[in-house]
């Protein structure tokens, strides 16, 4: 026989679903987007929050007989025997189901075109760039950058490049949300998205761009952490969908870690499952996977743009990036030196003497190795070799 729900418990449940996402912010009146346009409701919402927290203290709610504890601690044996849920590759070596990745780069490096290409490939079930297998599925492309006519033109050009006829791609399971202000830290918008994903069995969501679908400051680490951990990750797990966020690099040159080039709080990079960074020189584009929790990072590779700028657009896969520059040779010499001398830490002068090279060449090579996470700078003029990554150039 079921337990009868009292009016107080029903009210508690409703309020909890609205407010318990972040009680501290609720007290401050921020509501992290929940109270946007509802400022007049803040006093009443605070009152209700106090009310149901008082009920908990009085043990009228939340302590039913046989209720499971709030947290579960695993023993070593339970951890060892834990059966991890399966996560299939949506795009081989790039993104798995229920995961989030970033595709980032400077302006005008064709990030949106690349992600529209990905969307069509997943919807159609054809290899991405003729090189990465995909698992076919429904796709939602959230466009906050372009107009519907521009989106229509691009998708037609890319479909022509993929040899998909207009009649055929008109039937593909690809959906667009464009020219609308969807904000993914607003509870009403998240509810809409969750419902749409569920009803249409969406397997991949592409967001163009991250900055356009949030209402908070992208440099606010607490807000970014909350958004990814409390909104996006539960949404991925509940719906089974994967998310690609298109994002931008900071302006100006950065000689540090390649991932440090991404705008906003570093928590964005730290909490997602993968990062792909895009660089362009004329018609050639270099793709670098600088983070992957799902497996070994793939080697950088090049693609080339082929287009008549009116009806046809495609990316041609050129293979792994071949770098025969002086910089690449100096990087290789440094790594060979690390291995031959079994070096774990060194300073700039030791590298200059060891390779009989100039200070400028050594510094340029060290900056490149830092970008590739092969070397770590400990303090000025002193470096540490990341051993597990010095075996391959």
Protein backbone atom coordinates (compact mmCIF):
# COMPACT_ATOMS: atom_id res chain seq x y z
CA UNK A 1 0.00 0.00 0.00
CA UNK A 2 1.44 3.37 -1.02
CA UNK A 3 2.21 6.16 1.41
CA UNK A 4 -0.28 9.02 1.18
CA UNK A 5 1.25 12.37 0.26
CA UNK A 6 0.18 15.25 2.47
CA UNK A 7 -0.48 18.74 1.06
CA UNK A 8 2.61 19.95 2.88
CA UNK A 9 4.76 17.28 1.23
CA UNK A 10 3.32 18.07 -2.20
CA UNK A 11 4.04 21.75 -1.71
CA UNK A 12 7.53 20.94 -0.48
CA UNK A 13 8.24 18.81 -3.56
CA UNK A 14 7.13 21.55 -5.95
CA UNK A 15 9.17 24.22 -4.21
CA UNK A 16 12.21 21.99 -3.96
CA UNK A 17 12.27 21.34 -7.69
CA UNK A 18 12.32 25.09 -8.29
CA UNK A 19 14.59 26.33 -5.54
CA UNK A 20 16.83 23.56 -4.25
CA UNK A 21 19.23 23.85 -7.20
CA UNK A 22 21.13 26.46 -5.27
CA UNK A 23 19.81 27.61 -1.89
CA UNK A 24 22.60 30.08 -1.26
CA UNK A 25 21.91 31.94 -4.48
CA UNK A 26 18.22 31.87 -3.71
CA UNK A 27 18.84 33.69 -0.44
CA UNK A 28 20.95 36.27 -2.24
CA UNK A 29 18.12 36.81 -4.71
CA UNK A 30 20.26 35.79 -7.71
CA UNK A 31 18.41 32.55 -8.50
CA UNK A 32 21.03 32.01 -11.20
CA UNK A 33 18.57 32.93 -13.92
CA UNK A 34 15.49 31.44 -12.22
CA UNK A 35 14.27 34.85 -11.17
CA UNK A 36 15.00 36.67 -14.42
CA UNK A 37 11.97 38.87 -14.99
CA UNK A 38 10.47 37.66 -11.70
CA UNK A 39 12.22 39.96 -9.24
CA UNK A 40 8.94 40.78 -7.53
CA UNK A 41 8.57 37.11 -6.59
CA UNK A 42 11.86 36.93 -4.70
CA UNK A 43 10.48 37.78 -1.22
CA UNK A 44 7.73 35.16 -1.56
CA UNK A 45 10.18 32.55 -2.84
CA UNK A 46 12.50 33.24 0.08
CA UNK A 47 9.56 32.86 2.44
CA UNK A 48 8.61 29.52 0.92
CA UNK A 49 12.22 28.34 1.07
CA UNK A 50 12.37 29.18 4.78
CA UNK A 51 9.04 27.42 5.24
CA UNK A 52 10.04 24.05 3.84
CA UNK A 53 13.48 24.15 5.45
CA UNK A 54 11.63 24.66 8.73
CA UNK A 55 9.58 21.56 8.02
CA UNK A 56 12.75 19.54 7.55
CA UNK A 57 14.09 20.78 10.88
CA UNK A 58 10.83 19.73 12.55
CA UNK A 59 11.25 16.28 10.99
CA UNK A 60 7.84 16.49 9.34
CA UNK A 61 9.42 15.79 5.96
CA UNK A 62 12.43 13.91 4.67
CA UNK A 63 12.90 11.33 7.43
CA UNK A 64 10.46 8.61 6.51
CA UNK A 65 11.14 5.10 7.75
CA UNK A 66 13.36 3.17 5.39
CA UNK A 67 14.43 6.23 3.42
CA UNK A 68 17.82 5.85 1.72
CA UNK A 69 20.67 8.00 3.04
CA UNK A 70 21.50 11.14 1.09
CA UNK A 71 25.02 9.97 0.20
CA UNK A 72 26.41 6.53 -0.62
CA UNK A 73 30.02 5.75 0.22
CA UNK A 74 31.63 2.93 -1.79
CA UNK A 75 34.00 0.41 -0.27
CA UNK A 76 37.05 -0.65 -2.29
CA UNK A 77 35.29 -3.94 -3.08
CA UNK A 78 32.16 -2.10 -4.29
CA UNK A 79 34.29 0.21 -6.40
CA UNK A 80 36.10 -2.76 -7.96
CA UNK A 81 32.82 -4.55 -8.73
CA UNK A 82 31.03 -1.43 -9.98
CA UNK A 83 29.66 -1.91 -13.51
CA UNK A 84 30.24 1.30 -15.46
CA UNK A 85 27.38 2.24 -17.80
CA UNK A 86 28.27 1.94 -21.50
CA UNK A 87 29.13 5.10 -23.41
CA UNK A 88 29.16 4.65 -27.18
CA UNK A 89 31.12 6.89 -29.52
CA UNK A 90 28.80 9.33 -31.27
CA UNK A 91 31.79 10.42 -33.35
CA UNK A 92 34.75 8.05 -33.16
CA UNK A 93 37.65 9.43 -31.09
CA UNK A 94 35.89 12.80 -30.71
CA UNK A 95 32.74 12.58 -28.56
CA UNK A 96 30.84 9.85 -26.71
CA UNK A 97 27.19 9.76 -25.71
CA UNK A 98 26.25 11.77 -22.60
CA UNK A 99 29.45 13.81 -22.85
CA UNK A 100 30.28 17.48 -23.46
CA UNK A 101 33.09 18.89 -25.59
CA UNK A 102 34.24 22.32 -26.71
CA UNK A 103 35.18 23.24 -30.28
CA UNK A 104 37.08 26.51 -30.01
CA UNK A 105 39.10 28.88 -32.14
CA UNK A 106 39.55 32.46 -33.26
CA UNK A 107 36.91 34.22 -35.33
CA UNK A 108 36.57 33.21 -39.00
CA UNK A 109 38.18 29.77 -38.67
CA UNK A 110 34.98 28.02 -39.83
CA UNK A 111 33.93 26.58 -36.45
CA UNK A 112 30.23 26.88 -37.29
CA UNK A 113 30.74 25.34 -40.74
CA UNK A 114 32.65 22.47 -39.14
CA UNK A 115 29.86 21.83 -36.63
CA UNK A 116 27.15 22.02 -39.29
CA UNK A 117 29.17 19.41 -41.18
CA UNK A 118 29.28 17.26 -38.02
CA UNK A 119 25.51 17.69 -37.60
CA UNK A 120 24.74 16.53 -41.12
CA UNK A 121 27.13 13.57 -40.84
CA UNK A 122 25.55 12.34 -37.59
CA UNK A 123 22.01 12.86 -38.88
CA UNK A 124 22.84 11.00 -42.09
CA UNK A 125 25.09 8.39 -40.47
CA UNK A 126 28.12 9.00 -42.71
CA UNK A 127 31.76 9.29 -41.56
CA UNK A 128 32.86 12.75 -40.47
CA UNK A 129 35.57 14.02 -42.87
CA UNK A 130 35.44 10.54 -44.47
CA UNK A 131 37.71 9.47 -41.63
CA UNK A 132 35.80 9.31 -38.31
CA UNK A 133 32.91 6.85 -38.03
CA UNK A 134 29.69 8.13 -36.48
CA UNK A 135 26.66 6.54 -34.88
CA UNK A 136 23.61 7.87 -36.65
CA UNK A 137 21.08 9.76 -34.56
CA UNK A 138 18.84 12.80 -34.26
CA UNK A 139 20.62 16.16 -33.96
CA UNK A 140 19.58 19.57 -32.62
CA UNK A 141 21.60 22.62 -33.75
CA UNK A 142 21.03 25.65 -31.49
CA UNK A 143 22.06 28.67 -33.55
CA UNK A 144 22.51 31.97 -31.73
CA UNK A 145 24.94 33.49 -34.26
CA UNK A 146 23.32 33.51 -37.69
CA UNK A 147 19.99 34.32 -39.30
CA UNK A 148 17.74 31.59 -40.65
CA UNK A 149 18.49 32.54 -44.31
CA UNK A 150 22.24 32.30 -43.64
CA UNK A 151 21.77 28.97 -41.87
CA UNK A 152 19.68 27.71 -44.79
CA UNK A 153 22.38 28.72 -47.29
CA UNK A 154 25.18 27.10 -45.33
CA UNK A 155 23.40 23.81 -44.77
CA UNK A 156 22.56 23.56 -48.47
CA UNK A 157 26.19 24.20 -49.49
CA UNK A 158 27.51 21.64 -46.98
CA UNK A 159 24.90 19.07 -48.03
CA UNK A 160 26.00 19.51 -51.64
CA UNK A 161 29.61 19.00 -50.54
CA UNK A 162 28.60 15.77 -48.80
CA UNK A 163 26.67 14.68 -51.91
CA UNK A 164 23.34 14.70 -50.09
CA UNK A 165 20.49 15.69 -52.36
CA UNK A 166 18.07 18.43 -51.32
CA UNK A 167 15.22 15.93 -51.32
CA UNK A 168 17.24 13.57 -49.11
CA UNK A 169 18.52 16.06 -46.54
CA UNK A 170 15.02 17.43 -46.20
CA UNK A 171 14.13 14.12 -44.56
CA UNK A 172 17.17 13.89 -42.29
CA UNK A 173 16.59 13.97 -38.48
CA UNK A 174 18.27 17.34 -38.03
CA UNK A 175 16.51 20.14 -36.13
CA UNK A 176 17.37 23.83 -35.77
CA UNK A 177 16.54 26.38 -33.11
CA UNK A 178 17.50 29.78 -34.53
CA UNK A 179 16.72 33.48 -33.95
CA UNK A 180 15.39 32.69 -30.47
CA UNK A 181 16.83 33.58 -27.06
CA UNK A 182 17.26 30.18 -25.46
CA UNK A 183 19.23 30.57 -22.21
CA UNK A 184 20.42 27.34 -20.62
CA UNK A 185 20.74 28.62 -17.08
CA UNK A 186 17.03 29.59 -17.04
CA UNK A 187 14.93 26.79 -15.60
CA UNK A 188 12.07 27.24 -18.08
CA UNK A 189 14.44 26.98 -21.05
CA UNK A 190 16.20 23.91 -19.62
CA UNK A 191 12.82 22.25 -19.10
CA UNK A 192 11.87 23.00 -22.70
CA UNK A 193 15.14 21.58 -23.99
CA UNK A 194 14.91 18.45 -21.86
CA UNK A 195 11.38 17.80 -23.09
CA UNK A 196 12.32 18.38 -26.74
CA UNK A 197 15.36 16.07 -26.49
CA UNK A 198 13.21 13.37 -24.92
CA UNK A 199 10.33 13.60 -27.38
CA UNK A 200 12.60 13.62 -30.44
CA UNK A 201 15.27 11.21 -29.16
CA UNK A 202 18.01 13.77 -29.80
CA UNK A 203 21.48 12.20 -29.57
CA UNK A 204 23.64 15.26 -30.27
CA UNK A 205 23.10 18.94 -29.45
CA UNK A 206 25.37 21.58 -30.99
CA UNK A 207 25.39 25.03 -29.36
CA UNK A 208 26.58 28.00 -31.44
CA UNK A 209 27.90 29.64 -29.29
CA UNK A 210 28.41 28.95 -25.58
CA UNK A 211 28.54 32.64 -24.71
CA UNK A 212 25.12 33.26 -26.30
CA UNK A 213 23.22 30.66 -24.26
CA UNK A 214 24.29 31.76 -20.76
CA UNK A 215 23.20 34.79 -18.74
CA UNK A 216 26.12 34.80 -16.31
CA UNK A 217 29.67 36.12 -16.70
CA UNK A 218 31.78 33.46 -18.44
CA UNK A 219 34.68 34.45 -16.15
CA UNK A 220 32.71 33.61 -13.00
CA UNK A 221 34.14 30.25 -11.90
CA UNK A 222 31.32 29.53 -9.44
CA UNK A 223 28.64 30.18 -12.06
CA UNK A 224 30.45 28.09 -14.69
CA UNK A 225 30.92 25.26 -12.20
CA UNK A 226 27.24 25.36 -11.25
CA UNK A 227 26.10 25.48 -14.86
CA UNK A 228 28.11 22.44 -15.94
CA UNK A 229 27.79 20.29 -12.80
CA UNK A 230 24.23 21.08 -11.75
CA UNK A 231 22.49 21.73 -15.08
CA UNK A 232 24.37 20.31 -18.06
CA UNK A 233 25.79 17.06 -16.69
CA UNK A 234 22.46 15.94 -15.21
CA UNK A 235 20.79 16.89 -18.50
CA UNK A 236 23.27 14.72 -20.45
CA UNK A 237 22.83 11.77 -18.11
CA UNK A 238 19.04 12.02 -18.01
CA UNK A 239 18.52 12.40 -21.76
CA UNK A 240 21.54 10.47 -23.10
CA UNK A 241 22.41 13.38 -25.41
CA UNK A 242 25.91 14.71 -26.08
CA UNK A 243 26.68 18.42 -26.31
CA UNK A 244 29.16 20.35 -28.46
CA UNK A 245 29.75 23.95 -27.38
CA UNK A 246 31.28 26.27 -29.96
CA UNK A 247 33.54 28.72 -28.17
CA UNK A 248 36.09 31.47 -28.87
CA UNK A 249 39.76 31.99 -28.15
CA UNK A 250 41.00 35.02 -26.28
CA UNK A 251 42.29 37.84 -28.41
CA UNK A 252 46.04 38.16 -28.75
CA UNK A 253 48.85 35.64 -28.65
CA UNK A 254 49.24 33.13 -25.84
CA UNK A 255 52.52 31.31 -25.28
CA UNK A 256 51.30 29.06 -22.48
CA UNK A 257 49.22 25.90 -22.49
CA UNK A 258 47.09 25.71 -25.63
CA UNK A 259 43.89 25.29 -23.60
CA UNK A 260 44.63 28.56 -21.80
CA UNK A 261 43.69 30.34 -25.02
CA UNK A 262 39.99 29.68 -24.40
CA UNK A 263 37.97 32.62 -23.13
CA UNK A 264 36.39 32.67 -19.70
CA UNK A 265 36.94 30.70 -16.53
CA UNK A 266 39.28 27.72 -16.69
CA UNK A 267 36.52 25.68 -15.02
CA UNK A 268 34.81 25.48 -18.41
CA UNK A 269 37.79 23.61 -19.84
CA UNK A 270 38.38 21.60 -16.69
CA UNK A 271 34.84 20.25 -16.40
CA UNK A 272 34.02 19.26 -19.99
CA UNK A 273 35.09 15.92 -21.42
CA UNK A 274 37.02 17.14 -24.43
CA UNK A 275 38.46 20.16 -26.18
CA UNK A 276 39.11 20.59 -29.91
CA UNK A 277 40.92 23.72 -31.08
CA UNK A 278 40.77 25.02 -34.63
CA UNK A 279 43.38 27.11 -36.44
CA UNK A 280 43.20 28.42 -39.99
CA UNK A 281 45.68 29.68 -42.56
CA UNK A 282 44.02 30.62 -45.85
CA UNK A 283 42.07 27.54 -47.01
CA UNK A 284 43.87 25.08 -44.71
CA UNK A 285 42.59 24.31 -41.22
CA UNK A 286 44.44 22.49 -38.44
CA UNK A 287 42.44 20.52 -35.88
CA UNK A 288 44.02 19.82 -32.47
CA UNK A 289 42.39 17.70 -29.81
CA UNK A 290 43.93 19.19 -26.67
CA UNK A 291 41.80 17.28 -24.16
CA UNK A 292 40.01 13.93 -24.19
CA UNK A 293 38.74 12.10 -21.13
CA UNK A 294 37.40 9.34 -23.36
CA UNK A 295 40.73 8.08 -24.67
CA UNK A 296 44.13 9.05 -25.98
CA UNK A 297 44.18 12.42 -27.72
CA UNK A 298 44.32 12.07 -31.49
CA UNK A 299 47.24 13.59 -33.36
CA UNK A 300 46.70 17.03 -34.93
CA UNK A 301 45.41 16.81 -38.48
CA UNK A 302 44.77 19.15 -41.38
CA UNK A 303 41.70 19.69 -43.51
CA UNK A 304 41.26 21.92 -46.55
CA UNK A 305 38.29 24.01 -47.58
CA UNK A 306 36.92 23.37 -51.06
CA UNK A 307 34.12 25.72 -52.16
CA UNK A 308 32.74 27.74 -55.06
CA UNK A 309 31.39 30.18 -52.41
CA UNK A 310 27.86 29.84 -53.79
CA UNK A 311 26.52 26.28 -54.00
CA UNK A 312 29.23 23.92 -52.79
CA UNK A 313 31.28 23.58 -49.60
CA UNK A 314 33.28 20.67 -48.23
CA UNK A 315 36.17 19.88 -45.92
CA UNK A 316 38.83 17.60 -47.41
CA UNK A 317 40.79 15.51 -44.91
CA UNK A 318 44.55 15.86 -45.50
CA UNK A 319 45.84 13.51 -42.81
CA UNK A 320 47.95 14.07 -39.72
CA UNK A 321 49.77 17.37 -39.60
CA UNK A 322 53.31 17.22 -40.96
CA UNK A 323 55.45 19.92 -39.43
CA UNK A 324 58.94 20.14 -40.93
CA UNK A 325 59.68 23.66 -39.73
CA UNK A 326 62.77 24.70 -37.80
CA UNK A 327 60.57 24.99 -34.70
CA UNK A 328 59.42 21.37 -35.09
CA UNK A 329 63.01 20.18 -35.53
CA UNK A 330 64.10 22.03 -32.39
CA UNK A 331 61.20 20.51 -30.45
CA UNK A 332 62.24 17.07 -31.63
CA UNK A 333 65.86 17.70 -30.61
CA UNK A 334 64.75 18.74 -27.14
CA UNK A 335 62.67 15.61 -26.68
CA UNK A 336 65.49 13.37 -27.86
CA UNK A 337 67.76 15.16 -25.37
CA UNK A 338 65.24 14.52 -22.59
CA UNK A 339 65.21 10.80 -23.39
CA UNK A 340 68.93 10.28 -23.92
CA UNK A 341 69.91 12.11 -20.75
CA UNK A 342 66.91 10.88 -18.71
CA UNK A 343 66.04 14.48 -17.87
CA UNK A 344 63.08 15.21 -15.62
CA UNK A 345 63.90 18.84 -14.74
CA UNK A 346 66.19 21.39 -16.36
CA UNK A 347 66.80 25.08 -16.78
CA UNK A 348 67.14 27.15 -19.95
CA UNK A 349 70.93 27.33 -19.80
CA UNK A 350 71.25 23.54 -19.59
CA UNK A 351 69.07 23.17 -22.70
CA UNK A 352 71.07 25.79 -24.60
CA UNK A 353 74.36 24.07 -23.74
CA UNK A 354 72.98 20.57 -24.29
CA UNK A 355 71.75 21.34 -27.80
CA UNK A 356 74.38 23.95 -28.70
CA UNK A 357 71.58 26.25 -29.79
CA UNK A 358 70.57 29.88 -29.35
CA UNK A 359 68.47 31.12 -26.45
CA UNK A 360 65.71 32.32 -28.82
CA UNK A 361 65.37 28.93 -30.54
CA UNK A 362 65.28 27.07 -27.23
CA UNK A 363 62.68 29.44 -25.78
CA UNK A 364 60.47 29.12 -28.88
CA UNK A 365 60.72 25.32 -28.75
CA UNK A 366 59.96 25.27 -25.01
CA UNK A 367 56.86 27.45 -25.52
CA UNK A 368 55.64 25.03 -28.19
CA UNK A 369 56.20 22.00 -25.94
CA UNK A 370 54.33 23.74 -23.13
CA UNK A 371 51.38 24.27 -25.50
CA UNK A 372 51.43 20.56 -26.31
CA UNK A 373 51.56 19.60 -22.61
CA UNK A 374 54.96 17.97 -23.01
CA UNK A 375 56.79 20.37 -20.72
CA UNK A 376 55.64 22.29 -17.67
CA UNK A 377 57.13 25.59 -16.53
CA UNK A 378 57.82 25.48 -12.77
CA UNK A 379 59.20 29.00 -12.42
CA UNK A 380 61.19 31.46 -14.48
CA UNK A 381 63.88 29.65 -16.45
CA UNK A 382 63.14 26.24 -14.91
CA UNK A 383 61.06 23.45 -16.46
CA UNK A 384 59.73 19.97 -15.77
CA UNK A 385 59.39 17.21 -18.38
CA UNK A 386 56.01 15.47 -18.45
CA UNK A 387 57.43 12.00 -18.80
CA UNK A 388 54.46 10.10 -20.14
CA UNK A 389 54.25 12.37 -23.18
CA UNK A 390 57.90 12.63 -24.24
CA UNK A 391 57.97 9.34 -26.11
CA UNK A 392 56.43 10.65 -29.33
CA UNK A 393 57.12 13.94 -31.16
